[in-house]
PDB file of N, CA and C in Angstrom:
ATOM      1  N   MET A   1      78.873   3.129  50.020  1.00  0.00           N
ATOM      2  CA  MET A   1      80.103   3.546  50.766  1.00  0.00           C
ATOM      3  C   MET A   1      81.020   4.321  49.984  1.00  0.00           C
ATOM      4  N   ASP A   2      80.634   5.591  49.655  1.00  0.00           N
ATOM      5  CA  ASP A   2      81.482   6.420  48.843  1.00  0.00           C
ATOM      6  C   ASP A   2      82.726   6.988  49.583  1.00  0.00           C
ATOM      7  N   ASN A   3      82.604   7.239  50.940  1.00  0.00           N
ATOM      8  CA  ASN A   3      83.667   7.847  51.570  1.00  0.00           C
ATOM      9  C   ASN A   3      83.904   6.952  52.871  1.00  0.00           C
ATOM     10  N   LEU A   4      85.278   6.475  52.840  1.00  0.00           N
ATOM     11  CA  LEU A   4      85.568   5.640  53.950  1.00  0.00           C
ATOM     12  C   LEU A   4      86.815   6.444  54.742  1.00  0.00           C
ATOM     13  N   ASP A   5      86.610   7.683  54.740  1.00  0.00           N
ATOM     14  CA  ASP A   5      87.551   8.503  55.522  1.00  0.00           C
ATOM     15  C   ASP A   5      87.124   8.754  56.855  1.00  0.00           C
ATOM     16  N   TYR A   6      87.426   7.715  57.856  1.00  0.00           N
ATOM     17  CA  TYR A   6      86.993   7.813  59.223  1.00  0.00           C
ATOM     18  C   TYR A   6      88.044   7.870  60.173  1.00  0.00           C
ATOM     19  N   GLY A   7      87.913   8.442  61.290  1.00  0.00           N
ATOM     20  CA  GLY A   7      88.802   8.268  62.490  1.00  0.00           C
ATOM     21  C   GLY A   7      88.432   7.054  63.311  1.00  0.00           C
ATOM     22  N   VAL A   8      89.362   6.625  63.912  1.00  0.00           N
ATOM     23  CA  VAL A   8      89.129   5.282  64.695  1.00  0.00           C
ATOM     24  C   VAL A   8      89.567   5.512  66.132  1.00  0.00           C
ATOM     25  N   VAL A   9      88.742   5.056  67.091  1.00  0.00           N
ATOM     26  CA  VAL A   9      89.075   5.094  68.591  1.00  0.00           C
ATOM     27  C   VAL A   9      88.726   3.690  69.088  1.00  0.00           C
ATOM     28  N   GLY A  10      89.596   3.087  69.831  1.00  0.00           N
ATOM     29  CA  GLY A  10      89.394   1.843  70.348  1.00  0.00           C
ATOM     30  C   GLY A  10      90.206   1.623  71.526  1.00  0.00           C
ATOM     31  N   ASN A  11      90.015   0.403  72.110  1.00  0.00           N
ATOM     32  CA  ASN A  11      90.627  -0.097  73.380  1.00  0.00           C
ATOM     33  C   ASN A  11      91.190  -1.449  73.338  1.00  0.00           C
ATOM     34  N   CYS A  12      91.324  -1.997  72.239  1.00  0.00           N
ATOM     35  CA  CYS A  12      91.837  -3.483  71.978  1.00  0.00           C
ATOM     36  C   CYS A  12      90.743  -4.378  72.208  1.00  0.00           C
ATOM     37  N   LYS A  13      89.577  -4.005  72.630  1.00  0.00           N
ATOM     38  CA  LYS A  13      88.435  -4.934  72.732  1.00  0.00           C
ATOM     39  C   LYS A  13      87.346  -4.594  71.645  1.00  0.00           C
ATOM     40  N   THR A  14      87.170  -3.360  71.281  1.00  0.00           N
ATOM     41  CA  THR A  14      86.396  -2.859  70.142  1.00  0.00           C
ATOM     42  C   THR A  14      86.814  -1.546  69.715  1.00  0.00           C
ATOM     43  N   ALA A  15      86.138  -1.044  68.685  1.00  0.00           N
ATOM     44  CA  ALA A  15      86.683   0.195  68.017  1.00  0.00           C
ATOM     45  C   ALA A  15      85.324   0.893  67.423  1.00  0.00           C
ATOM     46  N   ALA A  16      85.446   2.177  67.355  1.00  0.00           N
ATOM     47  CA  ALA A  16      84.293   3.031  66.773  1.00  0.00           C
ATOM     48  C   ALA A  16      84.947   3.639  65.596  1.00  0.00           C
ATOM     49  N   LEU A  17      84.157   3.827  64.475  1.00  0.00           N
ATOM     50  CA  LEU A  17      84.489   4.570  63.372  1.00  0.00           C
ATOM     51  C   LEU A  17      83.749   5.941  63.440  1.00  0.00           C
ATOM     52  N   ILE A  18      84.574   7.035  63.310  1.00  0.00           N
ATOM     53  CA  ILE A  18      84.031   8.346  63.551  1.00  0.00           C
ATOM     54  C   ILE A  18      84.174   9.156  62.256  1.00  0.00           C
ATOM     55  N   SER A  19      83.000   9.636  61.739  1.00  0.00           N
ATOM     56  CA  SER A  19      83.226  10.365  60.454  1.00  0.00           C
ATOM     57  C   SER A  19      83.859  11.869  60.699  1.00  0.00           C
ATOM     58  N   LYS A  20      84.219  12.347  59.465  1.00  0.00           N
ATOM     59  CA  LYS A  20      84.680  13.789  59.582  1.00  0.00           C
ATOM     60  C   LYS A  20      83.831  14.769  60.157  1.00  0.00           C
ATOM     61  N   GLU A  21      82.637  14.383  60.119  1.00  0.00           N
ATOM     62  CA  GLU A  21      81.608  15.300  60.775  1.00  0.00           C
ATOM     63  C   GLU A  21      81.263  14.946  62.289  1.00  0.00           C
ATOM     64  N   GLY A  22      82.035  14.024  62.826  1.00  0.00           N
ATOM     65  CA  GLY A  22      81.979  13.719  64.256  1.00  0.00           C
ATOM     66  C   GLY A  22      80.744  12.702  64.600  1.00  0.00           C
ATOM     67  N   SER A  23      80.386  12.043  63.560  1.00  0.00           N
ATOM     68  CA  SER A  23      79.296  11.050  63.794  1.00  0.00           C
ATOM     69  C   SER A  23      79.872   9.609  64.038  1.00  0.00           C
ATOM     70  N   ILE A  24      79.640   8.938  65.091  1.00  0.00           N
ATOM     71  CA  ILE A  24      80.031   7.502  65.323  1.00  0.00           C
ATOM     72  C   ILE A  24      78.931   6.664  64.325  1.00  0.00           C
ATOM     73  N   ASP A  25      79.596   6.223  63.200  1.00  0.00           N
ATOM     74  CA  ASP A  25      78.777   5.665  62.133  1.00  0.00           C
ATOM     75  C   ASP A  25      78.970   4.026  62.160  1.00  0.00           C
ATOM     76  N   TRP A  26      79.879   3.490  62.991  1.00  0.00           N
ATOM     77  CA  TRP A  26      80.160   2.158  63.219  1.00  0.00           C
ATOM     78  C   TRP A  26      80.635   1.794  64.578  1.00  0.00           C
ATOM     79  N   LEU A  27      79.953   0.922  65.174  1.00  0.00           N
ATOM     80  CA  LEU A  27      80.453   0.468  66.629  1.00  0.00           C
ATOM     81  C   LEU A  27      79.744  -0.869  66.983  1.00  0.00           C
ATOM     82  N   CYS A  28      80.599  -1.904  67.166  1.00  0.00           N
ATOM     83  CA  CYS A  28      80.117  -3.194  67.629  1.00  0.00           C
ATOM     84  C   CYS A  28      80.459  -3.030  69.148  1.00  0.00           C
ATOM     85  N   PHE A  29      79.497  -3.527  70.013  1.00  0.00           N
ATOM     86  CA  PHE A  29      79.727  -3.192  71.479  1.00  0.00           C
ATOM     87  C   PHE A  29      79.109  -4.251  72.214  1.00  0.00           C
ATOM     88  N   PRO A  30      79.868  -4.772  73.244  1.00  0.00           N
ATOM     89  CA  PRO A  30      81.059  -4.331  73.997  1.00  0.00           C
ATOM     90  C   PRO A  30      82.295  -4.743  73.330  1.00  0.00           C
ATOM     91  N   VAL A  31      82.301  -5.861  72.418  1.00  0.00           N
ATOM     92  CA  VAL A  31      83.535  -6.396  71.899  1.00  0.00           C
ATOM     93  C   VAL A  31      83.317  -6.508  70.252  1.00  0.00           C
ATOM     94  N   PHE A  32      84.489  -6.634  69.662  1.00  0.00           N
ATOM     95  CA  PHE A  32      84.411  -6.735  68.204  1.00  0.00           C
ATOM     96  C   PHE A  32      83.431  -7.491  67.533  1.00  0.00           C
ATOM     97  N   ASP A  33      83.181  -8.742  68.176  1.00  0.00           N
ATOM     98  CA  ASP A  33      82.298  -9.694  67.455  1.00  0.00           C
ATOM     99  C   ASP A  33      80.824  -9.587  68.151  1.00  0.00           C
ATOM    100  N   SER A  34      80.539  -8.465  68.722  1.00  0.00           N
ATOM    101  CA  SER A  34      79.183  -8.263  69.313  1.00  0.00           C
ATOM    102  C   SER A  34      78.398  -7.638  68.017  1.00  0.00           C
ATOM    103  N   PRO A  35      77.079  -7.666  68.255  1.00  0.00           N
ATOM    104  CA  PRO A  35      76.230  -6.965  67.281  1.00  0.00           C
ATOM    105  C   PRO A  35      76.419  -5.458  67.223  1.00  0.00           C
ATOM    106  N   SER A  36      76.314  -4.843  66.105  1.00  0.00           N
ATOM    107  CA  SER A  36      76.679  -3.461  65.867  1.00  0.00           C
ATOM    108  C   SER A  36      75.505  -2.731  66.613  1.00  0.00           C
ATOM    109  N   VAL A  37      75.959  -1.602  67.308  1.00  0.00           N
ATOM    110  CA  VAL A  37      74.980  -0.577  67.919  1.00  0.00           C
ATOM    111  C   VAL A  37      74.706   0.534  66.936  1.00  0.00           C
ATOM    112  N   PHE A  38      75.826   0.971  66.231  1.00  0.00           N
ATOM    113  CA  PHE A  38      75.808   1.968  65.173  1.00  0.00           C
ATOM    114  C   PHE A  38      76.183   1.428  63.950  1.00  0.00           C
ATOM    115  N   SER A  39      75.463   1.529  62.835  1.00  0.00           N
ATOM    116  CA  SER A  39      75.899   0.897  61.643  1.00  0.00           C
ATOM    117  C   SER A  39      75.563   1.714  60.446  1.00  0.00           C
ATOM    118  N   LYS A  40      75.437   3.063  60.605  1.00  0.00           N
ATOM    119  CA  LYS A  40      75.144   3.966  59.508  1.00  0.00           C
ATOM    120  C   LYS A  40      76.145   3.788  58.348  1.00  0.00           C
ATOM    121  N   LEU A  41      77.312   3.406  58.607  1.00  0.00           N
ATOM    122  CA  LEU A  41      78.406   3.072  57.557  1.00  0.00           C
ATOM    123  C   LEU A  41      77.744   2.108  56.544  1.00  0.00           C
ATOM    124  N   LEU A  42      77.022   1.177  56.956  1.00  0.00           N
ATOM    125  CA  LEU A  42      76.407   0.189  55.999  1.00  0.00           C
ATOM    126  C   LEU A  42      75.067   0.536  55.414  1.00  0.00           C
ATOM    127  N   ASP A  43      74.164   1.325  56.175  1.00  0.00           N
ATOM    128  CA  ASP A  43      72.844   1.644  55.712  1.00  0.00           C
ATOM    129  C   ASP A  43      72.640   2.993  56.263  1.00  0.00           C
ATOM    130  N   ASN A  44      72.627   4.045  55.451  1.00  0.00           N
ATOM    131  CA  ASN A  44      72.512   5.415  55.903  1.00  0.00           C
ATOM    132  C   ASN A  44      71.110   5.654  56.479  1.00  0.00           C
ATOM    133  N   ASP A  45      70.048   4.929  56.192  1.00  0.00           N
ATOM    134  CA  ASP A  45      68.733   5.176  56.617  1.00  0.00           C
ATOM    135  C   ASP A  45      68.440   4.382  57.775  1.00  0.00           C
ATOM    136  N   LYS A  46      68.826   3.145  57.885  1.00  0.00           N
ATOM    137  CA  LYS A  46      68.518   2.252  58.885  1.00  0.00           C
ATOM    138  C   LYS A  46      69.564   1.925  59.971  1.00  0.00           C
ATOM    139  N   GLY A  47      70.802   2.363  59.722  1.00  0.00           N
ATOM    140  CA  GLY A  47      71.969   1.994  60.431  1.00  0.00           C
ATOM    141  C   GLY A  47      72.105   2.480  61.907  1.00  0.00           C
ATOM    142  N   GLY A  48      71.599   3.689  62.198  1.00  0.00           N
ATOM    143  CA  GLY A  48      71.852   4.179  63.461  1.00  0.00           C
ATOM    144  C   GLY A  48      73.207   4.874  63.677  1.00  0.00           C
ATOM    145  N   SER A  49      73.225   6.003  64.334  1.00  0.00           N
ATOM    146  CA  SER A  49      74.567   6.640  64.581  1.00  0.00           C
ATOM    147  C   SER A  49      74.296   7.603  65.785  1.00  0.00           C
ATOM    148  N   PHE A  50      75.436   8.153  66.155  1.00  0.00           N
ATOM    149  CA  PHE A  50      75.469   9.047  67.359  1.00  0.00           C
ATOM    150  C   PHE A  50      76.272  10.352  66.810  1.00  0.00           C
ATOM    151  N   SER A  51      75.393  11.338  66.537  1.00  0.00           N
ATOM    152  CA  SER A  51      76.049  12.522  65.898  1.00  0.00           C
ATOM    153  C   SER A  51      75.608  13.885  66.469  1.00  0.00           C
ATOM    154  N   PHE A  52      76.380  14.827  65.994  1.00  0.00           N
ATOM    155  CA  PHE A  52      76.068  16.284  66.405  1.00  0.00           C
ATOM    156  C   PHE A  52      75.623  16.998  65.113  1.00  0.00           C
ATOM    157  N   ILE A  53      74.408  17.534  65.200  1.00  0.00           N
ATOM    158  CA  ILE A  53      73.815  18.327  63.973  1.00  0.00           C
ATOM    159  C   ILE A  53      73.949  19.721  64.274  1.00  0.00           C
ATOM    160  N   VAL A  54      74.647  20.500  63.328  1.00  0.00           N
ATOM    161  CA  VAL A  54      75.040  21.841  63.290  1.00  0.00           C
ATOM    162  C   VAL A  54      74.467  22.340  61.969  1.00  0.00           C
ATOM    163  N   SER A  55      74.447  23.725  61.937  1.00  0.00           N
ATOM    164  CA  SER A  55      73.882  24.380  60.715  1.00  0.00           C
ATOM    165  C   SER A  55      75.114  24.427  59.761  1.00  0.00           C
ATOM    166  N   ASP A  56      74.727  24.828  58.493  1.00  0.00           N
ATOM    167  CA  ASP A  56      75.732  24.736  57.315  1.00  0.00           C
ATOM    168  C   ASP A  56      76.946  25.748  57.605  1.00  0.00           C
ATOM    169  N   GLY A  57      76.749  26.754  58.575  1.00  0.00           N
ATOM    170  CA  GLY A  57      77.929  27.716  58.696  1.00  0.00           C
ATOM    171  C   GLY A  57      79.047  27.263  59.528  1.00  0.00           C
ATOM    172  N   TYR A  58      78.935  25.934  59.945  1.00  0.00           N
ATOM    173  CA  TYR A  58      79.966  25.486  60.742  1.00  0.00           C
ATOM    174  C   TYR A  58      81.210  24.935  60.029  1.00  0.00           C
ATOM    175  N   ARG A  59      82.393  25.069  60.452  1.00  0.00           N
ATOM    176  CA  ARG A  59      83.616  24.504  59.956  1.00  0.00           C
ATOM    177  C   ARG A  59      83.924  23.406  60.850  1.00  0.00           C
ATOM    178  N   ILE A  60      84.174  22.300  60.346  1.00  0.00           N
ATOM    179  CA  ILE A  60      84.485  21.045  61.157  1.00  0.00           C
ATOM    180  C   ILE A  60      85.965  20.606  60.871  1.00  0.00           C
ATOM    181  N   THR A  61      86.810  20.457  61.904  1.00  0.00           N
ATOM    182  CA  THR A  61      88.024  19.745  61.744  1.00  0.00           C
ATOM    183  C   THR A  61      88.213  18.702  62.698  1.00  0.00           C
ATOM    184  N   GLN A  62      89.236  17.873  62.371  1.00  0.00           N
ATOM    185  CA  GLN A  62      89.403  16.754  63.299  1.00  0.00           C
ATOM    186  C   GLN A  62      90.917  16.375  63.233  1.00  0.00           C
ATOM    187  N   ASN A  63      91.258  15.993  64.480  1.00  0.00           N
ATOM    188  CA  ASN A  63      92.714  15.676  64.801  1.00  0.00           C
ATOM    189  C   ASN A  63      92.795  14.774  65.976  1.00  0.00           C
ATOM    190  N   TYR A  64      93.849  13.899  66.041  1.00  0.00           N
ATOM    191  CA  TYR A  64      94.126  13.110  67.085  1.00  0.00           C
ATOM    192  C   TYR A  64      95.124  14.018  68.112  1.00  0.00           C
ATOM    193  N   PHE A  65      94.912  13.840  69.403  1.00  0.00           N
ATOM    194  CA  PHE A  65      95.842  14.489  70.370  1.00  0.00           C
ATOM    195  C   PHE A  65      97.199  13.630  70.143  1.00  0.00           C
ATOM    196  N   LYS A  66      98.320  14.484  70.363  1.00  0.00           N
ATOM    197  CA  LYS A  66      99.632  13.815  70.049  1.00  0.00           C
ATOM    198  C   LYS A  66      99.829  12.633  70.960  1.00  0.00           C
ATOM    199  N   GLU A  67     100.219  11.542  70.367  1.00  0.00           N
ATOM    200  CA  GLU A  67     100.649  10.297  71.078  1.00  0.00           C
ATOM    201  C   GLU A  67      99.496   9.683  71.800  1.00  0.00           C
ATOM    202  N   THR A  68      98.259   9.855  71.350  1.00  0.00           N
ATOM    203  CA  THR A  68      97.088   9.258  72.135  1.00  0.00           C
ATOM    204  C   THR A  68      96.199   8.659  70.986  1.00  0.00           C
ATOM    205  N   ASN A  69      95.070   8.088  71.534  1.00  0.00           N
ATOM    206  CA  ASN A  69      94.032   7.532  70.652  1.00  0.00           C
ATOM    207  C   ASN A  69      92.802   8.427  71.029  1.00  0.00           C
ATOM    208  N   ILE A  70      93.066   9.651  71.333  1.00  0.00           N
ATOM    209  CA  ILE A  70      91.919  10.549  71.606  1.00  0.00           C
ATOM    210  C   ILE A  70      91.598  11.428  70.352  1.00  0.00           C
ATOM    211  N   LEU A  71      90.423  11.318  69.759  1.00  0.00           N
ATOM    212  CA  LEU A  71      90.146  12.031  68.491  1.00  0.00           C
ATOM    213  C   LEU A  71      89.279  13.207  68.915  1.00  0.00           C
ATOM    214  N   GLY A  72      89.744  14.464  68.485  1.00  0.00           N
ATOM    215  CA  GLY A  72      89.074  15.709  68.731  1.00  0.00           C
ATOM    216  C   GLY A  72      88.395  16.180  67.545  1.00  0.00           C
ATOM    217  N   THR A  73      87.123  16.472  67.583  1.00  0.00           N
ATOM    218  CA  THR A  73      86.340  17.131  66.377  1.00  0.00           C
ATOM    219  C   THR A  73      85.935  18.342  66.804  1.00  0.00           C
ATOM    220  N   ARG A  74      86.345  19.478  66.127  1.00  0.00           N
ATOM    221  CA  ARG A  74      86.112  20.823  66.439  1.00  0.00           C
ATOM    222  C   ARG A  74      85.122  21.422  65.452  1.00  0.00           C
ATOM    223  N   PHE A  75      84.001  21.977  66.096  1.00  0.00           N
ATOM    224  CA  PHE A  75      82.941  22.675  65.310  1.00  0.00           C
ATOM    225  C   PHE A  75      83.070  24.063  65.638  1.00  0.00           C
ATOM    226  N   ALA A  76      83.224  24.915  64.490  1.00  0.00           N
ATOM    227  CA  ALA A  76      83.497  26.420  64.677  1.00  0.00           C
ATOM    228  C   ALA A  76      82.456  27.109  63.851  1.00  0.00           C
ATOM    229  N   SER A  77      81.900  28.200  64.334  1.00  0.00           N
ATOM    230  CA  SER A  77      81.128  29.187  63.613  1.00  0.00           C
ATOM    231  C   SER A  77      81.126  30.466  64.225  1.00  0.00           C
ATOM    232  N   ASP A  78      80.437  31.467  63.623  1.00  0.00           N
ATOM    233  CA  ASP A  78      80.436  32.751  64.233  1.00  0.00           C
ATOM    234  C   ASP A  78      79.699  32.794  65.578  1.00  0.00           C
ATOM    235  N   GLU A  79      78.824  31.797  65.791  1.00  0.00           N
ATOM    236  CA  GLU A  79      78.095  31.601  66.954  1.00  0.00           C
ATOM    237  C   GLU A  79      78.969  31.222  68.102  1.00  0.00           C
ATOM    238  N   GLY A  80      79.844  30.354  67.787  1.00  0.00           N
ATOM    239  CA  GLY A  80      80.741  29.760  68.808  1.00  0.00           C
ATOM    240  C   GLY A  80      81.505  28.585  68.376  1.00  0.00           C
ATOM    241  N   VAL A  81      82.289  28.018  69.282  1.00  0.00           N
ATOM    242  CA  VAL A  81      83.269  26.949  68.981  1.00  0.00           C
ATOM    243  C   VAL A  81      83.027  25.818  70.142  1.00  0.00           C
ATOM    244  N   PHE A  82      82.864  24.586  69.729  1.00  0.00           N
ATOM    245  CA  PHE A  82      82.890  23.428  70.689  1.00  0.00           C
ATOM    246  C   PHE A  82      83.625  22.328  70.027  1.00  0.00           C
ATOM    247  N   GLU A  83      84.088  21.536  70.905  1.00  0.00           N
ATOM    248  CA  GLU A  83      84.893  20.250  70.624  1.00  0.00           C
ATOM    249  C   GLU A  83      84.380  19.024  71.203  1.00  0.00           C
ATOM    250  N   VAL A  84      84.302  17.949  70.441  1.00  0.00           N
ATOM    251  CA  VAL A  84      83.994  16.665  70.966  1.00  0.00           C
ATOM    252  C   VAL A  84      85.203  15.790  71.108  1.00  0.00           C
ATOM    253  N   LEU A  85      85.554  15.252  72.167  1.00  0.00           N
ATOM    254  CA  LEU A  85      86.607  14.370  72.415  1.00  0.00           C
ATOM    255  C   LEU A  85      86.016  12.985  72.586  1.00  0.00           C
ATOM    256  N   ASP A  86      86.695  12.095  71.694  1.00  0.00           N
ATOM    257  CA  ASP A  86      86.184  10.714  71.690  1.00  0.00           C
ATOM    258  C   ASP A  86      87.355   9.825  72.074  1.00  0.00           C
ATOM    259  N   PHE A  87      87.007   8.821  72.926  1.00  0.00           N
ATOM    260  CA  PHE A  87      88.097   7.805  73.339  1.00  0.00           C
ATOM    261  C   PHE A  87      87.450   6.650  74.038  1.00  0.00           C
ATOM    262  N   MET A  88      88.096   5.559  74.075  1.00  0.00           N
ATOM    263  CA  MET A  88      87.848   4.433  74.794  1.00  0.00           C
ATOM    264  C   MET A  88      88.981   4.102  75.736  1.00  0.00           C
ATOM    265  N   PRO A  89      88.548   4.069  77.073  1.00  0.00           N
ATOM    266  CA  PRO A  89      89.765   3.913  78.118  1.00  0.00           C
ATOM    267  C   PRO A  89      90.333   2.493  78.104  1.00  0.00           C
ATOM    268  N   ARG A  90      91.629   2.422  78.463  1.00  0.00           N
ATOM    269  CA  ARG A  90      92.263   1.147  78.802  1.00  0.00           C
ATOM    270  C   ARG A  90      93.315   1.585  79.774  1.00  0.00           C
ATOM    271  N   TYR A  91      93.378   0.911  80.923  1.00  0.00           N
ATOM    272  CA  TYR A  91      94.112   1.261  82.121  1.00  0.00           C
ATOM    273  C   TYR A  91      95.236   0.079  82.261  1.00  0.00           C
ATOM    274  N   LYS A  92      96.341   0.443  82.707  1.00  0.00           N
ATOM    275  CA  LYS A  92      97.300  -0.498  83.105  1.00  0.00           C
ATOM    276  C   LYS A  92      97.299  -0.536  84.677  1.00  0.00           C
ATOM    277  N   THR A  93      97.126  -1.773  85.198  1.00  0.00           N
ATOM    278  CA  THR A  93      97.022  -2.076  86.575  1.00  0.00           C
ATOM    279  C   THR A  93      98.414  -2.079  87.209  1.00  0.00           C
ATOM    280  N   ARG A  94      98.432  -2.162  88.546  1.00  0.00           N
ATOM    281  CA  ARG A  94      99.682  -2.232  89.300  1.00  0.00           C
ATOM    282  C   ARG A  94     100.408  -3.599  89.024  1.00  0.00           C
ATOM    283  N   GLU A  95      99.571  -4.617  88.676  1.00  0.00           N
ATOM    284  CA  GLU A  95     100.205  -5.939  88.386  1.00  0.00           C
ATOM    285  C   GLU A  95     100.712  -6.009  86.879  1.00  0.00           C
ATOM    286  N   ASP A  96     100.830  -4.843  86.188  1.00  0.00           N
ATOM    287  CA  ASP A  96     101.225  -4.677  84.934  1.00  0.00           C
ATOM    288  C   ASP A  96     100.368  -5.339  83.834  1.00  0.00           C
ATOM    289  N   GLU A  97      98.996  -5.409  84.128  1.00  0.00           N
ATOM    290  CA  GLU A  97      98.016  -6.097  83.232  1.00  0.00           C
ATOM    291  C   GLU A  97      97.082  -4.836  82.770  1.00  0.00           C
ATOM    292  N   TYR A  98      96.334  -5.154  81.903  1.00  0.00           N
ATOM    293  CA  TYR A  98      95.335  -4.209  81.446  1.00  0.00           C
ATOM    294  C   TYR A  98      93.920  -4.312  81.867  1.00  0.00           C
ATOM    295  N   TYR A  99      93.287  -3.288  82.318  1.00  0.00           N
ATOM    296  CA  TYR A  99      91.801  -3.317  82.660  1.00  0.00           C
ATOM    297  C   TYR A  99      91.203  -2.596  81.472  1.00  0.00           C
ATOM    298  N   ILE A 100      90.279  -3.246  80.859  1.00  0.00           N
ATOM    299  CA  ILE A 100      89.667  -2.663  79.746  1.00  0.00           C
ATOM    300  C   ILE A 100      88.131  -2.636  79.790  1.00  0.00           C
ATOM    301  N   PRO A 101      87.610  -1.529  80.307  1.00  0.00           N
ATOM    302  CA  PRO A 101      86.137  -1.455  80.513  1.00  0.00           C
ATOM    303  C   PRO A 101      85.422  -1.366  79.191  1.00  0.00           C
ATOM    304  N   SER A 102      84.234  -1.763  79.124  1.00  0.00           N
ATOM    305  CA  SER A 102      83.454  -1.575  77.836  1.00  0.00           C
ATOM    306  C   SER A 102      82.725  -0.216  78.059  1.00  0.00           C
ATOM    307  N   GLU A 103      83.564   0.699  77.529  1.00  0.00           N
ATOM    308  CA  GLU A 103      82.999   2.205  77.618  1.00  0.00           C
ATOM    309  C   GLU A 103      83.542   2.981  76.405  1.00  0.00           C
ATOM    310  N   ILE A 104      82.670   3.916  76.039  1.00  0.00           N
ATOM    311  CA  ILE A 104      83.207   4.914  75.058  1.00  0.00           C
ATOM    312  C   ILE A 104      82.677   6.259  75.553  1.00  0.00           C
ATOM    313  N   TYR A 105      83.756   7.158  75.501  1.00  0.00           N
ATOM    314  CA  TYR A 105      83.385   8.492  75.965  1.00  0.00           C
ATOM    315  C   TYR A 105      83.379   9.493  74.929  1.00  0.00           C
ATOM    316  N   ARG A 106      82.320  10.332  74.991  1.00  0.00           N
ATOM    317  CA  ARG A 106      82.146  11.559  74.015  1.00  0.00           C
ATOM    318  C   ARG A 106      82.102  12.799  74.863  1.00  0.00           C
ATOM    319  N   TYR A 107      83.154  13.403  75.119  1.00  0.00           N
ATOM    320  CA  TYR A 107      83.174  14.571  76.059  1.00  0.00           C
ATOM    321  C   TYR A 107      83.107  15.895  75.183  1.00  0.00           C
ATOM    322  N   VAL A 108      81.951  16.633  75.546  1.00  0.00           N
ATOM    323  CA  VAL A 108      81.721  17.887  74.722  1.00  0.00           C
ATOM    324  C   VAL A 108      82.266  19.064  75.430  1.00  0.00           C
ATOM    325  N   ARG A 109      83.139  19.871  74.922  1.00  0.00           N
ATOM    326  CA  ARG A 109      83.959  20.923  75.620  1.00  0.00           C
ATOM    327  C   ARG A 109      83.522  22.216  74.813  1.00  0.00           C
ATOM    328  N   LEU A 110      83.076  23.189  75.558  1.00  0.00           N
ATOM    329  CA  LEU A 110      82.761  24.517  75.089  1.00  0.00           C
ATOM    330  C   LEU A 110      84.171  25.208  75.031  1.00  0.00           C
ATOM    331  N   ILE A 111      84.471  25.761  73.757  1.00  0.00           N
ATOM    332  CA  ILE A 111      85.631  26.481  73.611  1.00  0.00           C
ATOM    333  C   ILE A 111      85.476  28.009  73.690  1.00  0.00           C
ATOM    334  N   GLU A 112      84.276  28.578  73.018  1.00  0.00           N
ATOM    335  CA  GLU A 112      83.951  29.954  73.069  1.00  0.00           C
ATOM    336  C   GLU A 112      82.580  30.189  72.606  1.00  0.00           C
ATOM    337  N   GLY A 113      81.979  31.249  72.849  1.00  0.00           N
ATOM    338  CA  GLY A 113      80.690  31.705  72.457  1.00  0.00           C
ATOM    339  C   GLY A 113      79.562  30.788  72.824  1.00  0.00           C
ATOM    340  N   LYS A 114      78.498  30.832  72.124  1.00  0.00           N
ATOM    341  CA  LYS A 114      77.305  30.181  72.354  1.00  0.00           C
ATOM    342  C   LYS A 114      76.925  29.311  71.192  1.00  0.00           C
ATOM    343  N   PRO A 115      77.572  28.253  70.852  1.00  0.00           N
ATOM    344  CA  PRO A 115      77.369  27.311  69.683  1.00  0.00           C
ATOM    345  C   PRO A 115      76.013  26.610  69.976  1.00  0.00           C
ATOM    346  N   ARG A 116      75.287  26.405  68.817  1.00  0.00           N
ATOM    347  CA  ARG A 116      74.105  25.738  68.835  1.00  0.00           C
ATOM    348  C   ARG A 116      74.184  24.376  68.093  1.00  0.00           C
ATOM    349  N   PHE A 117      73.682  23.325  68.733  1.00  0.00           N
ATOM    350  CA  PHE A 117      73.645  21.928  68.060  1.00  0.00           C
ATOM    351  C   PHE A 117      72.635  21.123  68.665  1.00  0.00           C
ATOM    352  N   ARG A 118      72.313  20.145  67.904  1.00  0.00           N
ATOM    353  CA  ARG A 118      71.442  19.053  68.381  1.00  0.00           C
ATOM    354  C   ARG A 118      72.295  17.708  68.334  1.00  0.00           C
ATOM    355  N   ILE A 119      71.886  16.931  69.284  1.00  0.00           N
ATOM    356  CA  ILE A 119      72.509  15.543  69.351  1.00  0.00           C
ATOM    357  C   ILE A 119      71.487  14.475  68.789  1.00  0.00           C
ATOM    358  N   ASN A 120      71.916  13.720  67.836  1.00  0.00           N
ATOM    359  CA  ASN A 120      71.171  12.521  67.254  1.00  0.00           C
ATOM    360  C   ASN A 120      71.724  11.319  67.878  1.00  0.00           C
ATOM    361  N   TYR A 121      71.092  10.617  68.784  1.00  0.00           N
ATOM    362  CA  TYR A 121      71.473   9.336  69.346  1.00  0.00           C
ATOM    363  C   TYR A 121      70.523   8.366  68.874  1.00  0.00           C
ATOM    364  N   THR A 122      70.814   7.576  67.862  1.00  0.00           N
ATOM    365  CA  THR A 122      69.864   6.426  67.437  1.00  0.00           C
ATOM    366  C   THR A 122      70.592   5.161  67.316  1.00  0.00           C
ATOM    367  N   PRO A 123      70.805   4.436  68.444  1.00  0.00           N
ATOM    368  CA  PRO A 123      71.290   3.106  68.378  1.00  0.00           C
ATOM    369  C   PRO A 123      70.417   2.149  67.719  1.00  0.00           C
ATOM    370  N   VAL A 124      70.909   1.281  66.868  1.00  0.00           N
ATOM    371  CA  VAL A 124      70.083   0.189  66.296  1.00  0.00           C
ATOM    372  C   VAL A 124      70.781  -1.069  66.452  1.00  0.00           C
ATOM    373  N   MET A 125      70.368  -2.030  67.159  1.00  0.00           N
ATOM    374  CA  MET A 125      71.006  -3.182  67.362  1.00  0.00           C
ATOM    375  C   MET A 125      70.800  -4.072  66.087  1.00  0.00           C
ATOM    376  N   CYS A 126      71.891  -4.499  65.402  1.00  0.00           N
ATOM    377  CA  CYS A 126      71.901  -5.273  64.173  1.00  0.00           C
ATOM    378  C   CYS A 126      72.407  -6.635  64.508  1.00  0.00           C
ATOM    379  N   ILE A 127      71.627  -7.647  64.596  1.00  0.00           N
ATOM    380  CA  ILE A 127      72.017  -9.033  64.871  1.00  0.00           C
ATOM    381  C   ILE A 127      71.871  -9.800  63.671  1.00  0.00           C
ATOM    382  N   ILE A 128      72.946 -10.491  63.394  1.00  0.00           N
ATOM    383  CA  ILE A 128      72.912 -11.309  62.049  1.00  0.00           C
ATOM    384  C   ILE A 128      72.760 -12.695  62.415  1.00  0.00           C
TER     385      ILE A 128
END
């Protein structure tokens, strides 16, 4: 574990750790004490992740949207630009309580051009 520079998205039920390259490398789901679904953070070869694979020419930046827990990862190259928005919803009800569904969203948004990427989705249930 040389690099622990991760973004975090969560909903008070669970949380995902997202690398600077936009890969979900840690997620226990549907709650914090559930088995991990993605655990590349602990084992790069066997852990599983949910990532976007791009060529070496891409510049990757990451920011939170102001006053939110929405993490944006932008992939830019001469081919084009796209952005991945990660978040876990949490809603306030009319009764002033919270509804917290077991959901994580990865919204891919085209910004310009024709970017090329592959998606690597390899969940690995780790039960201890």
